Amino acid sequence: MNMNDQNFGEFLQTKREQQKITLRQLAEKLGVSAPFLSDVEKGRRNSLDMDKLSLLKQILNLSDEEYETMLNLAGKQRKTVAPDLPEYIMERDYVSAALRTARDLDAGEAEWQRFVEELKNRKG
């Protein structure tokens, strides 16, 4: 299933079932109640906070890519930016400036992909 076809709760339920972890077991490991977690999976409650999302990465053995997908879905559910990004953006004025420039120039996906590739190439 494509990420765009899935919401946070569906993603969480799918990954939990792939790991053969019951709802009750996962709730216990996260330190939340089973009814609360059930509501999260059914989309009746907002996604979890950053600490719990980080813990989920370990419990569900998520790859870095799956973790990023989960964070993006968590942000979309709350109609906000993925929860791992606001602090980074707020602490760096140049990031806000770059985002505004990209918005004002209506930068497309291809331009952003080139930018990301350029940054990744510098890392390696």
PDB file of N, CA and C in Angstrom:
ATOM      1  N   MET A   1       0.839  -1.189   0.000  1.00  0.00           N
ATOM      2  CA  MET A   1       0.000   0.000   0.000  1.00  0.00           C
ATOM      3  C   MET A   1       0.882   1.250   0.000  1.00  0.00           C
ATOM      4  N   ASN A   2       0.578   2.156  -0.867  1.00  0.00           N
ATOM      5  CA  ASN A   2       1.314   3.405  -0.989  1.00  0.00           C
ATOM      6  C   ASN A   2       1.069   4.287   0.227  1.00  0.00           C
ATOM      7  N   MET A   3       2.102   5.002   0.660  1.00  0.00           N
ATOM      8  CA  MET A   3       1.961   5.878   1.825  1.00  0.00           C
ATOM      9  C   MET A   3       0.803   6.852   1.641  1.00  0.00           C
ATOM     10  N   ASN A   4       0.602   7.346   0.429  1.00  0.00           N
ATOM     11  CA  ASN A   4      -0.450   8.329   0.194  1.00  0.00           C
ATOM     12  C   ASN A   4      -1.841   7.732   0.348  1.00  0.00           C
ATOM     13  N   ASP A   5      -1.940   6.419   0.282  1.00  0.00           N
ATOM     14  CA  ASP A   5      -3.226   5.747   0.430  1.00  0.00           C
ATOM     15  C   ASP A   5      -3.477   5.352   1.876  1.00  0.00           C
ATOM     16  N   GLN A   6      -2.543   5.600   2.746  1.00  0.00           N
ATOM     17  CA  GLN A   6      -2.587   5.105   4.108  1.00  0.00           C
ATOM     18  C   GLN A   6      -2.555   6.264   5.088  1.00  0.00           C
ATOM     19  N   ASN A   7      -3.261   6.112   6.215  1.00  0.00           N
ATOM     20  CA  ASN A   7      -3.138   7.112   7.262  1.00  0.00           C
ATOM     21  C   ASN A   7      -2.242   6.552   8.363  1.00  0.00           C
ATOM     22  N   PHE A   8      -1.978   7.372   9.368  1.00  0.00           N
ATOM     23  CA  PHE A   8      -1.061   6.968  10.435  1.00  0.00           C
ATOM     24  C   PHE A   8      -1.523   5.685  11.125  1.00  0.00           C
ATOM     25  N   GLY A   9      -2.798   5.634  11.486  1.00  0.00           N
ATOM     26  CA  GLY A   9      -3.328   4.472  12.196  1.00  0.00           C
ATOM     27  C   GLY A   9      -3.208   3.186  11.396  1.00  0.00           C
ATOM     28  N   GLU A  10      -3.499   3.266  10.104  1.00  0.00           N
ATOM     29  CA  GLU A  10      -3.389   2.086   9.235  1.00  0.00           C
ATOM     30  C   GLU A  10      -1.932   1.638   9.123  1.00  0.00           C
ATOM     31  N   PHE A  11      -1.037   2.606   8.994  1.00  0.00           N
ATOM     32  CA  PHE A  11       0.394   2.293   8.928  1.00  0.00           C
ATOM     33  C   PHE A  11       0.819   1.572  10.203  1.00  0.00           C
ATOM     34  N   LEU A  12       0.428   2.125  11.344  1.00  0.00           N
ATOM     35  CA  LEU A  12       0.796   1.546  12.631  1.00  0.00           C
ATOM     36  C   LEU A  12       0.246   0.127  12.772  1.00  0.00           C
ATOM     37  N   GLN A  13      -1.010  -0.058  12.440  1.00  0.00           N
ATOM     38  CA  GLN A  13      -1.625  -1.383  12.554  1.00  0.00           C
ATOM     39  C   GLN A  13      -0.931  -2.394  11.639  1.00  0.00           C
ATOM     40  N   THR A  14      -0.650  -1.995  10.412  1.00  0.00           N
ATOM     41  CA  THR A  14       0.025  -2.884   9.458  1.00  0.00           C
ATOM     42  C   THR A  14       1.385  -3.314   9.991  1.00  0.00           C
ATOM     43  N   LYS A  15       2.176  -2.347  10.455  1.00  0.00           N
ATOM     44  CA  LYS A  15       3.525  -2.663  10.959  1.00  0.00           C
ATOM     45  C   LYS A  15       3.454  -3.519  12.221  1.00  0.00           C
ATOM     46  N   ARG A  16       2.494  -3.235  13.079  1.00  0.00           N
ATOM     47  CA  ARG A  16       2.328  -4.022  14.310  1.00  0.00           C
ATOM     48  C   ARG A  16       1.983  -5.475  13.949  1.00  0.00           C
ATOM     49  N   GLU A  17       1.066  -5.659  13.015  1.00  0.00           N
ATOM     50  CA  GLU A  17       0.664  -7.009  12.616  1.00  0.00           C
ATOM     51  C   GLU A  17       1.805  -7.750  11.915  1.00  0.00           C
ATOM     52  N   GLN A  18       2.607  -7.026  11.129  1.00  0.00           N
ATOM     53  CA  GLN A  18       3.762  -7.654  10.470  1.00  0.00           C
ATOM     54  C   GLN A  18       4.742  -8.206  11.502  1.00  0.00           C
ATOM     55  N   GLN A  19       4.853  -7.530  12.638  1.00  0.00           N
ATOM     56  CA  GLN A  19       5.761  -7.970  13.701  1.00  0.00           C
ATOM     57  C   GLN A  19       5.096  -8.974  14.642  1.00  0.00           C
ATOM     58  N   LYS A  20       3.822  -9.316  14.352  1.00  0.00           N
ATOM     59  CA  LYS A  20       3.055 -10.273  15.159  1.00  0.00           C
ATOM     60  C   LYS A  20       2.975  -9.837  16.627  1.00  0.00           C
ATOM     61  N   ILE A  21       2.726  -8.543  16.805  1.00  0.00           N
ATOM     62  CA  ILE A  21       2.576  -7.967  18.142  1.00  0.00           C
ATOM     63  C   ILE A  21       1.099  -7.613  18.308  1.00  0.00           C
ATOM     64  N   THR A  22       0.496  -8.040  19.406  1.00  0.00           N
ATOM     65  CA  THR A  22      -0.907  -7.699  19.633  1.00  0.00           C
ATOM     66  C   THR A  22      -1.028  -6.235  20.034  1.00  0.00           C
ATOM     67  N   LEU A  23      -2.225  -5.716  19.875  1.00  0.00           N
ATOM     68  CA  LEU A  23      -2.500  -4.344  20.267  1.00  0.00           C
ATOM     69  C   LEU A  23      -2.169  -4.157  21.751  1.00  0.00           C
ATOM     70  N   ARG A  24      -2.588  -5.101  22.561  1.00  0.00           N
ATOM     71  CA  ARG A  24      -2.364  -5.024  24.008  1.00  0.00           C
ATOM     72  C   ARG A  24      -0.865  -5.034  24.333  1.00  0.00           C
ATOM     73  N   GLN A  25      -0.104  -5.894  23.641  1.00  0.00           N
ATOM     74  CA  GLN A  25       1.346  -5.963  23.873  1.00  0.00           C
ATOM     75  C   GLN A  25       2.019  -4.641  23.511  1.00  0.00           C
ATOM     76  N   LEU A  26       1.628  -4.077  22.362  1.00  0.00           N
ATOM     77  CA  LEU A  26       2.244  -2.821  21.931  1.00  0.00           C
ATOM     78  C   LEU A  26       1.874  -1.697  22.889  1.00  0.00           C
ATOM     79  N   ALA A  27       0.634  -1.649  23.312  1.00  0.00           N
ATOM     80  CA  ALA A  27       0.195  -0.617  24.257  1.00  0.00           C
ATOM     81  C   ALA A  27       1.035  -0.678  25.529  1.00  0.00           C
ATOM     82  N   GLU A  28       1.262  -1.901  26.011  1.00  0.00           N
ATOM     83  CA  GLU A  28       2.045  -2.081  27.232  1.00  0.00           C
ATOM     84  C   GLU A  28       3.477  -1.575  27.035  1.00  0.00           C
ATOM     85  N   LYS A  29       4.083  -1.927  25.891  1.00  0.00           N
ATOM     86  CA  LYS A  29       5.464  -1.507  25.617  1.00  0.00           C
ATOM     87  C   LYS A  29       5.569   0.017  25.482  1.00  0.00           C
ATOM     88  N   LEU A  30       4.490   0.650  25.005  1.00  0.00           N
ATOM     89  CA  LEU A  30       4.492   2.106  24.820  1.00  0.00           C
ATOM     90  C   LEU A  30       4.070   2.849  26.083  1.00  0.00           C
ATOM     91  N   GLY A  31       3.510   2.114  27.042  1.00  0.00           N
ATOM     92  CA  GLY A  31       3.041   2.762  28.261  1.00  0.00           C
ATOM     93  C   GLY A  31       1.740   3.516  28.074  1.00  0.00           C
ATOM     94  N   VAL A  32       0.882   3.010  27.177  1.00  0.00           N
ATOM     95  CA  VAL A  32      -0.456   3.593  26.970  1.00  0.00           C
ATOM     96  C   VAL A  32      -1.489   2.484  27.136  1.00  0.00           C
ATOM     97  N   SER A  33      -2.748   2.864  27.249  1.00  0.00           N
ATOM     98  CA  SER A  33      -3.794   1.849  27.393  1.00  0.00           C
ATOM     99  C   SER A  33      -4.139   1.256  26.033  1.00  0.00           C
ATOM    100  N   ALA A  34      -4.618   0.011  26.048  1.00  0.00           N
ATOM    101  CA  ALA A  34      -5.030  -0.648  24.804  1.00  0.00           C
ATOM    102  C   ALA A  34      -6.171   0.114  24.120  1.00  0.00           C
ATOM    103  N   PRO A  35      -7.197   0.585  24.873  1.00  0.00           N
ATOM    104  CA  PRO A  35      -8.258   1.359  24.206  1.00  0.00           C
ATOM    105  C   PRO A  35      -7.726   2.637  23.540  1.00  0.00           C
ATOM    106  N   PHE A  36      -6.770   3.298  24.202  1.00  0.00           N
ATOM    107  CA  PHE A  36      -6.160   4.498  23.607  1.00  0.00           C
ATOM    108  C   PHE A  36      -5.475   4.141  22.292  1.00  0.00           C
ATOM    109  N   LEU A  37      -4.654   3.078  22.306  1.00  0.00           N
ATOM    110  CA  LEU A  37      -3.918   2.679  21.103  1.00  0.00           C
ATOM    111  C   LEU A  37      -4.882   2.249  19.998  1.00  0.00           C
ATOM    112  N   SER A  38      -5.947   1.573  20.376  1.00  0.00           N
ATOM    113  CA  SER A  38      -6.965   1.174  19.403  1.00  0.00           C
ATOM    114  C   SER A  38      -7.561   2.413  18.730  1.00  0.00           C
ATOM    115  N   ASP A  39      -7.844   3.447  19.527  1.00  0.00           N
ATOM    116  CA  ASP A  39      -8.369   4.698  18.973  1.00  0.00           C
ATOM    117  C   ASP A  39      -7.368   5.353  18.024  1.00  0.00           C
ATOM    118  N   VAL A  40      -6.081   5.273  18.359  1.00  0.00           N
ATOM    119  CA  VAL A  40      -5.038   5.824  17.480  1.00  0.00           C
ATOM    120  C   VAL A  40      -5.053   5.070  16.145  1.00  0.00           C
ATOM    121  N   GLU A  41      -5.087   3.740  16.206  1.00  0.00           N
ATOM    122  CA  GLU A  41      -5.077   2.936  14.975  1.00  0.00           C
ATOM    123  C   GLU A  41      -6.326   3.180  14.126  1.00  0.00           C
ATOM    124  N   LYS A  42      -7.440   3.469  14.771  1.00  0.00           N
ATOM    125  CA  LYS A  42      -8.691   3.689  14.040  1.00  0.00           C
ATOM    126  C   LYS A  42      -8.868   5.153  13.620  1.00  0.00           C
ATOM    127  N   GLY A  43      -7.866   5.994  13.944  1.00  0.00           N
ATOM    128  CA  GLY A  43      -7.915   7.391  13.534  1.00  0.00           C
ATOM    129  C   GLY A  43      -8.846   8.253  14.379  1.00  0.00           C
ATOM    130  N   ARG A  44      -9.258   7.744  15.528  1.00  0.00           N
ATOM    131  CA  ARG A  44     -10.149   8.513  16.402  1.00  0.00           C
ATOM    132  C   ARG A  44      -9.365   9.425  17.342  1.00  0.00           C
ATOM    133  N   ARG A  45      -8.068   9.184  17.441  1.00  0.00           N
ATOM    134  CA  ARG A  45      -7.190  10.028  18.258  1.00  0.00           C
ATOM    135  C   ARG A  45      -5.990  10.411  17.416  1.00  0.00           C
ATOM    136  N   ASN A  46      -5.358  11.511  17.810  1.00  0.00           N
ATOM    137  CA  ASN A  46      -4.159  11.958  17.107  1.00  0.00           C
ATOM    138  C   ASN A  46      -3.021  10.964  17.284  1.00  0.00           C
ATOM    139  N   SER A  47      -2.058  11.063  16.393  1.00  0.00           N
ATOM    140  CA  SER A  47      -0.875  10.214  16.468  1.00  0.00           C
ATOM    141  C   SER A  47      -0.147  10.454  17.788  1.00  0.00           C
ATOM    142  N   LEU A  48       0.836   9.655  18.042  1.00  0.00           N
ATOM    143  CA  LEU A  48       1.576   9.689  19.305  1.00  0.00           C
ATOM    144  C   LEU A  48       2.611  10.810  19.313  1.00  0.00           C
ATOM    145  N   ASP A  49       3.130  11.127  20.503  1.00  0.00           N
ATOM    146  CA  ASP A  49       4.154  12.171  20.608  1.00  0.00           C
ATOM    147  C   ASP A  49       5.509  11.616  20.139  1.00  0.00           C
ATOM    148  N   MET A  50       6.465  12.515  20.012  1.00  0.00           N
ATOM    149  CA  MET A  50       7.765  12.168  19.434  1.00  0.00           C
ATOM    150  C   MET A  50       8.469  11.056  20.219  1.00  0.00           C
ATOM    151  N   ASP A  51       8.393  11.078  21.548  1.00  0.00           N
ATOM    152  CA  ASP A  51       9.030  10.027  22.351  1.00  0.00           C
ATOM    153  C   ASP A  51       8.455   8.656  22.018  1.00  0.00           C
ATOM    154  N   LYS A  52       7.137   8.587  21.900  1.00  0.00           N
ATOM    155  CA  LYS A  52       6.468   7.314  21.604  1.00  0.00           C
ATOM    156  C   LYS A  52       6.758   6.881  20.156  1.00  0.00           C
ATOM    157  N   LEU A  53       6.815   7.843  19.250  1.00  0.00           N
ATOM    158  CA  LEU A  53       7.132   7.522  17.854  1.00  0.00           C
ATOM    159  C   LEU A  53       8.542   6.953  17.747  1.00  0.00           C
ATOM    160  N   SER A  54       9.461   7.533  18.510  1.00  0.00           N
ATOM    161  CA  SER A  54      10.841   7.051  18.527  1.00  0.00           C
ATOM    162  C   SER A  54      10.900   5.625  19.082  1.00  0.00           C
ATOM    163  N   LEU A  55      10.140   5.384  20.137  1.00  0.00           N
ATOM    164  CA  LEU A  55      10.062   4.055  20.737  1.00  0.00           C
ATOM    165  C   LEU A  55       9.455   3.052  19.755  1.00  0.00           C
ATOM    166  N   LEU A  56       8.450   3.488  18.996  1.00  0.00           N
ATOM    167  CA  LEU A  56       7.822   2.615  17.997  1.00  0.00           C
ATOM    168  C   LEU A  56       8.831   2.144  16.960  1.00  0.00           C
ATOM    169  N   LYS A  57       9.766   3.021  16.588  1.00  0.00           N
ATOM    170  CA  LYS A  57      10.780   2.635  15.595  1.00  0.00           C
ATOM    171  C   LYS A  57      11.528   1.396  16.075  1.00  0.00           C
ATOM    172  N   GLN A  58      11.881   1.390  17.364  1.00  0.00           N
ATOM    173  CA  GLN A  58      12.614   0.248  17.927  1.00  0.00           C
ATOM    174  C   GLN A  58      11.719  -0.979  18.048  1.00  0.00           C
ATOM    175  N   ILE A  59      10.540  -0.805  18.630  1.00  0.00           N
ATOM    176  CA  ILE A  59       9.639  -1.938  18.883  1.00  0.00           C
ATOM    177  C   ILE A  59       9.243  -2.630  17.580  1.00  0.00           C
ATOM    178  N   LEU A  60       8.935  -1.823  16.554  1.00  0.00           N
ATOM    179  CA  LEU A  60       8.447  -2.379  15.282  1.00  0.00           C
ATOM    180  C   LEU A  60       9.573  -2.638  14.284  1.00  0.00           C
ATOM    181  N   ASN A  61      10.829  -2.423  14.703  1.00  0.00           N
ATOM    182  CA  ASN A  61      11.989  -2.644  13.822  1.00  0.00           C
ATOM    183  C   ASN A  61      11.841  -1.910  12.489  1.00  0.00           C
ATOM    184  N   LEU A  62      11.489  -0.639  12.557  1.00  0.00           N
ATOM    185  CA  LEU A  62      11.284   0.132  11.336  1.00  0.00           C
ATOM    186  C   LEU A  62      12.621   0.550  10.734  1.00  0.00           C
ATOM    187  N   SER A  63      12.693   0.499   9.420  1.00  0.00           N
ATOM    188  CA  SER A  63      13.865   1.032   8.727  1.00  0.00           C
ATOM    189  C   SER A  63      13.811   2.553   8.835  1.00  0.00           C
ATOM    190  N   ASP A  64      14.901   3.224   8.489  1.00  0.00           N
ATOM    191  CA  ASP A  64      14.910   4.686   8.515  1.00  0.00           C
ATOM    192  C   ASP A  64      13.826   5.240   7.593  1.00  0.00           C
ATOM    193  N   GLU A  65      13.656   4.605   6.436  1.00  0.00           N
ATOM    194  CA  GLU A  65      12.647   5.059   5.468  1.00  0.00           C
ATOM    195  C   GLU A  65      11.234   4.871   6.022  1.00  0.00           C
ATOM    196  N   GLU A  66      10.975   3.724   6.651  1.00  0.00           N
ATOM    197  CA  GLU A  66       9.663   3.481   7.257  1.00  0.00           C
ATOM    198  C   GLU A  66       9.401   4.471   8.396  1.00  0.00           C
ATOM    199  N   TYR A  67      10.449   4.768   9.158  1.00  0.00           N
ATOM    200  CA  TYR A  67      10.328   5.723  10.265  1.00  0.00           C
ATOM    201  C   TYR A  67       9.961   7.105   9.731  1.00  0.00           C
ATOM    202  N   GLU A  68      10.623   7.537   8.662  1.00  0.00           N
ATOM    203  CA  GLU A  68      10.306   8.828   8.056  1.00  0.00           C
ATOM    204  C   GLU A  68       8.876   8.844   7.540  1.00  0.00           C
ATOM    205  N   THR A  69       8.442   7.740   6.935  1.00  0.00           N
ATOM    206  CA  THR A  69       7.058   7.631   6.466  1.00  0.00           C
ATOM    207  C   THR A  69       6.099   7.782   7.637  1.00  0.00           C
ATOM    208  N   MET A  70       6.402   7.086   8.741  1.00  0.00           N
ATOM    209  CA  MET A  70       5.546   7.158   9.923  1.00  0.00           C
ATOM    210  C   MET A  70       5.479   8.595  10.448  1.00  0.00           C
ATOM    211  N   LEU A  71       6.618   9.278  10.513  1.00  0.00           N
ATOM    212  CA  LEU A  71       6.647  10.659  10.992  1.00  0.00           C
ATOM    213  C   LEU A  71       5.837  11.580  10.079  1.00  0.00           C
ATOM    214  N   ASN A  72       5.969  11.383   8.774  1.00  0.00           N
ATOM    215  CA  ASN A  72       5.201  12.191   7.817  1.00  0.00           C
ATOM    216  C   ASN A  72       3.703  11.967   7.999  1.00  0.00           C
ATOM    217  N   LEU A  73       3.313  10.694   8.169  1.00  0.00           N
ATOM    218  CA  LEU A  73       1.897  10.381   8.367  1.00  0.00           C
ATOM    219  C   LEU A  73       1.384  10.963   9.684  1.00  0.00           C
ATOM    220  N   ALA A  74       2.224  10.938  10.720  1.00  0.00           N
ATOM    221  CA  ALA A  74       1.843  11.509  12.011  1.00  0.00           C
ATOM    222  C   ALA A  74       1.601  13.011  11.867  1.00  0.00           C
ATOM    223  N   GLY A  75       2.466  13.689  11.134  1.00  0.00           N
ATOM    224  CA  GLY A  75       2.291  15.117  10.894  1.00  0.00           C
ATOM    225  C   GLY A  75       1.041  15.414  10.093  1.00  0.00           C
ATOM    226  N   LYS A  76       0.822  14.636   9.023  1.00  0.00           N
ATOM    227  CA  LYS A  76      -0.369  14.843   8.195  1.00  0.00           C
ATOM    228  C   LYS A  76      -1.641  14.667   9.013  1.00  0.00           C
ATOM    229  N   GLN A  77      -1.650  13.683   9.894  1.00  0.00           N
ATOM    230  CA  GLN A  77      -2.844  13.438  10.710  1.00  0.00           C
ATOM    231  C   GLN A  77      -3.153  14.649  11.580  1.00  0.00           C
ATOM    232  N   ARG A  78      -2.100  15.288  12.084  1.00  0.00           N
ATOM    233  CA  ARG A  78      -2.297  16.469  12.938  1.00  0.00           C
ATOM    234  C   ARG A  78      -2.399  17.748  12.110  1.00  0.00           C
ATOM    235  N   LYS A  79      -2.327  17.598  10.789  1.00  0.00           N
ATOM    236  CA  LYS A  79      -2.337  18.740   9.871  1.00  0.00           C
ATOM    237  C   LYS A  79      -1.213  19.716  10.206  1.00  0.00           C
ATOM    238  N   THR A  80      -0.033  19.148  10.391  1.00  0.00           N
ATOM    239  CA  THR A  80       1.147  19.938  10.707  1.00  0.00           C
ATOM    240  C   THR A  80       2.366  19.262  10.082  1.00  0.00           C
ATOM    241  N   VAL A  81       3.520  19.845  10.315  1.00  0.00           N
ATOM    242  CA  VAL A  81       4.781  19.289   9.828  1.00  0.00           C
ATOM    243  C   VAL A  81       5.109  18.031  10.638  1.00  0.00           C
ATOM    244  N   ALA A  82       5.806  17.091  10.038  1.00  0.00           N
ATOM    245  CA  ALA A  82       6.228  15.883  10.751  1.00  0.00           C
ATOM    246  C   ALA A  82       6.881  16.282  12.075  1.00  0.00           C
ATOM    247  N   PRO A  83       6.590  15.543  13.158  1.00  0.00           N
ATOM    248  CA  PRO A  83       7.015  15.979  14.499  1.00  0.00           C
ATOM    249  C   PRO A  83       8.519  16.043  14.741  1.00  0.00           C
ATOM    250  N   ASP A  84       9.326  15.492  13.850  1.00  0.00           N
ATOM    251  CA  ASP A  84      10.774  15.575  14.034  1.00  0.00           C
ATOM    252  C   ASP A  84      11.371  16.848  13.419  1.00  0.00           C
ATOM    253  N   LEU A  85      10.553  17.688  12.768  1.00  0.00           N
ATOM    254  CA  LEU A  85      11.095  18.834  12.037  1.00  0.00           C
ATOM    255  C   LEU A  85      10.914  20.219  12.662  1.00  0.00           C
ATOM    256  N   PRO A  86       9.833  20.505  13.401  1.00  0.00           N
ATOM    257  CA  PRO A  86       9.636  21.887  13.861  1.00  0.00           C
ATOM    258  C   PRO A  86      10.814  22.484  14.616  1.00  0.00           C
ATOM    259  N   GLU A  87      11.398  21.744  15.531  1.00  0.00           N
ATOM    260  CA  GLU A  87      12.515  22.272  16.310  1.00  0.00           C
ATOM    261  C   GLU A  87      13.684  22.648  15.392  1.00  0.00           C
ATOM    262  N   TYR A  88      13.990  21.764  14.437  1.00  0.00           N
ATOM    263  CA  TYR A  88      15.078  22.025  13.483  1.00  0.00           C
ATOM    264  C   TYR A  88      14.798  23.306  12.702  1.00  0.00           C
ATOM    265  N   ILE A  89      13.569  23.450  12.236  1.00  0.00           N
ATOM    266  CA  ILE A  89      13.197  24.627  11.446  1.00  0.00           C
ATOM    267  C   ILE A  89      13.241  25.888  12.303  1.00  0.00           C
ATOM    268  N   MET A  90      12.668  25.819  13.494  1.00  0.00           N
ATOM    269  CA  MET A  90      12.570  27.006  14.346  1.00  0.00           C
ATOM    270  C   MET A  90      13.930  27.495  14.835  1.00  0.00           C
ATOM    271  N   GLU A  91      14.881  26.595  15.000  1.00  0.00           N
ATOM    272  CA  GLU A  91      16.196  26.989  15.510  1.00  0.00           C
ATOM    273  C   GLU A  91      17.116  27.535  14.428  1.00  0.00           C
ATOM    274  N   ARG A  92      16.689  27.463  13.174  1.00  0.00           N
ATOM    275  CA  ARG A  92      17.539  27.875  12.059  1.00  0.00           C
ATOM    276  C   ARG A  92      16.766  28.806  11.128  1.00  0.00           C
ATOM    277  N   ASP A  93      17.009  30.098  11.248  1.00  0.00           N
ATOM    278  CA  ASP A  93      16.295  31.066  10.414  1.00  0.00           C
ATOM    279  C   ASP A  93      16.508  30.804   8.925  1.00  0.00           C
ATOM    280  N   TYR A  94      17.689  30.313   8.569  1.00  0.00           N
ATOM    281  CA  TYR A  94      17.978  30.078   7.156  1.00  0.00           C
ATOM    282  C   TYR A  94      17.119  28.964   6.571  1.00  0.00           C
ATOM    283  N   VAL A  95      16.668  28.030   7.405  1.00  0.00           N
ATOM    284  CA  VAL A  95      15.780  26.971   6.905  1.00  0.00           C
ATOM    285  C   VAL A  95      14.420  27.573   6.573  1.00  0.00           C
ATOM    286  N   SER A  96      13.911  28.416   7.457  1.00  0.00           N
ATOM    287  CA  SER A  96      12.641  29.098   7.184  1.00  0.00           C
ATOM    288  C   SER A  96      12.757  29.948   5.923  1.00  0.00           C
ATOM    289  N   ALA A  97      13.872  30.645   5.787  1.00  0.00           N
ATOM    290  CA  ALA A  97      14.089  31.482   4.600  1.00  0.00           C
ATOM    291  C   ALA A  97      14.107  30.626   3.336  1.00  0.00           C
ATOM    292  N   ALA A  98      14.764  29.468   3.402  1.00  0.00           N
ATOM    293  CA  ALA A  98      14.834  28.574   2.242  1.00  0.00           C
ATOM    294  C   ALA A  98      13.445  28.046   1.881  1.00  0.00           C
ATOM    295  N   LEU A  99      12.667  27.678   2.893  1.00  0.00           N
ATOM    296  CA  LEU A  99      11.314  27.172   2.642  1.00  0.00           C
ATOM    297  C   LEU A  99      10.427  28.248   2.027  1.00  0.00           C
ATOM    298  N   ARG A 100      10.541  29.471   2.536  1.00  0.00           N
ATOM    299  CA  ARG A 100       9.743  30.574   1.976  1.00  0.00           C
ATOM    300  C   ARG A 100      10.136  30.852   0.526  1.00  0.00           C
ATOM    301  N   THR A 101      11.429  30.838   0.255  1.00  0.00           N
ATOM    302  CA  THR A 101      11.901  31.076  -1.113  1.00  0.00           C
ATOM    303  C   THR A 101      11.372  29.995  -2.045  1.00  0.00           C
ATOM    304  N   ALA A 102      11.474  28.746  -1.614  1.00  0.00           N
ATOM    305  CA  ALA A 102      10.972  27.634  -2.425  1.00  0.00           C
ATOM    306  C   ALA A 102       9.474  27.783  -2.664  1.00  0.00           C
ATOM    307  N   ARG A 103       8.743  28.180  -1.615  1.00  0.00           N
ATOM    308  CA  ARG A 103       7.292  28.384  -1.752  1.00  0.00           C
ATOM    309  C   ARG A 103       7.004  29.513  -2.735  1.00  0.00           C
ATOM    310  N   ASP A 104       7.686  30.646  -2.564  1.00  0.00           N
ATOM    311  CA  ASP A 104       7.426  31.815  -3.396  1.00  0.00           C
ATOM    312  C   ASP A 104       7.760  31.558  -4.868  1.00  0.00           C
ATOM    313  N   LEU A 105       8.769  30.731  -5.105  1.00  0.00           N
ATOM    314  CA  LEU A 105       9.162  30.396  -6.478  1.00  0.00           C
ATOM    315  C   LEU A 105       8.438  29.153  -6.989  1.00  0.00           C
ATOM    316  N   ASP A 106       7.567  28.606  -6.139  1.00  0.00           N
ATOM    317  CA  ASP A 106       6.806  27.395  -6.472  1.00  0.00           C
ATOM    318  C   ASP A 106       7.739  26.269  -6.921  1.00  0.00           C
ATOM    319  N   ALA A 107       8.765  26.009  -6.107  1.00  0.00           N
ATOM    320  CA  ALA A 107       9.726  24.948  -6.414  1.00  0.00           C
ATOM    321  C   ALA A 107       8.991  23.605  -6.513  1.00  0.00           C
ATOM    322  N   GLY A 108       9.314  22.855  -7.527  1.00  0.00           N
ATOM    323  CA  GLY A 108       8.654  21.576  -7.759  1.00  0.00           C
ATOM    324  C   GLY A 108       9.425  20.417  -7.150  1.00  0.00           C
ATOM    325  N   GLU A 109       8.847  19.240  -7.266  1.00  0.00           N
ATOM    326  CA  GLU A 109       9.448  18.046  -6.686  1.00  0.00           C
ATOM    327  C   GLU A 109      10.836  17.774  -7.268  1.00  0.00           C
ATOM    328  N   ALA A 110      11.002  17.961  -8.567  1.00  0.00           N
ATOM    329  CA  ALA A 110      12.296  17.689  -9.203  1.00  0.00           C
ATOM    330  C   ALA A 110      13.386  18.596  -8.619  1.00  0.00           C
ATOM    331  N   GLU A 111      13.039  19.848  -8.391  1.00  0.00           N
ATOM    332  CA  GLU A 111      14.028  20.783  -7.824  1.00  0.00           C
ATOM    333  C   GLU A 111      14.405  20.375  -6.405  1.00  0.00           C
ATOM    334  N   TRP A 112      13.414  19.989  -5.615  1.00  0.00           N
ATOM    335  CA  TRP A 112      13.694  19.552  -4.251  1.00  0.00           C
ATOM    336  C   TRP A 112      14.504  18.263  -4.251  1.00  0.00           C
ATOM    337  N   GLN A 113      14.209  17.347  -5.167  1.00  0.00           N
ATOM    338  CA  GLN A 113      14.968  16.087  -5.263  1.00  0.00           C
ATOM    339  C   GLN A 113      16.432  16.361  -5.576  1.00  0.00           C
ATOM    340  N   ARG A 114      16.686  17.302  -6.503  1.00  0.00           N
ATOM    341  CA  ARG A 114      18.067  17.671  -6.832  1.00  0.00           C
ATOM    342  C   ARG A 114      18.781  18.225  -5.607  1.00  0.00           C
ATOM    343  N   PHE A 115      18.078  19.074  -4.856  1.00  0.00           N
ATOM    344  CA  PHE A 115      18.644  19.672  -3.647  1.00  0.00           C
ATOM    345  C   PHE A 115      18.988  18.584  -2.627  1.00  0.00           C
ATOM    346  N   VAL A 116      18.091  17.660  -2.420  1.00  0.00           N
ATOM    347  CA  VAL A 116      18.311  16.571  -1.468  1.00  0.00           C
ATOM    348  C   VAL A 116      19.491  15.706  -1.925  1.00  0.00           C
ATOM    349  N   GLU A 117      19.546  15.383  -3.211  1.00  0.00           N
ATOM    350  CA  GLU A 117      20.660  14.582  -3.744  1.00  0.00           C
ATOM    351  C   GLU A 117      21.983  15.298  -3.558  1.00  0.00           C
ATOM    352  N   GLU A 118      21.978  16.617  -3.790  1.00  0.00           N
ATOM    353  CA  GLU A 118      23.197  17.408  -3.618  1.00  0.00           C
ATOM    354  C   GLU A 118      23.674  17.333  -2.150  1.00  0.00           C
ATOM    355  N   LEU A 119      22.761  17.462  -1.218  1.00  0.00           N
ATOM    356  CA  LEU A 119      23.121  17.365   0.200  1.00  0.00           C
ATOM    357  C   LEU A 119      23.639  15.966   0.541  1.00  0.00           C
ATOM    358  N   LYS A 120      22.992  14.952   0.023  1.00  0.00           N
ATOM    359  CA  LYS A 120      23.418  13.570   0.302  1.00  0.00           C
ATOM    360  C   LYS A 120      24.818  13.306  -0.271  1.00  0.00           C
ATOM    361  N   ASN A 121      25.094  13.852  -1.430  1.00  0.00           N
ATOM    362  CA  ASN A 121      26.406  13.666  -2.063  1.00  0.00           C
ATOM    363  C   ASN A 121      27.512  14.331  -1.235  1.00  0.00           C
ATOM    364  N   ARG A 122      27.216  15.437  -0.600  1.00  0.00           N
ATOM    365  CA  ARG A 122      28.201  16.101   0.258  1.00  0.00           C
ATOM    366  C   ARG A 122      28.509  15.259   1.476  1.00  0.00           C
ATOM    367  N   LYS A 123      27.512  14.540   1.959  1.00  0.00           N
ATOM    368  CA  LYS A 123      27.676  13.704   3.151  1.00  0.00           C
ATOM    369  C   LYS A 123      28.620  12.534   2.889  1.00  0.00           C
ATOM    370  N   GLY A 124      28.487  11.943   1.694  1.00  0.00           N
ATOM    371  CA  GLY A 124      29.246  10.744   1.374  1.00  0.00           C
ATOM    372  C   GLY A 124      30.648  11.055   1.032  1.00  0.00           C
TER     373      GLY A 124
END
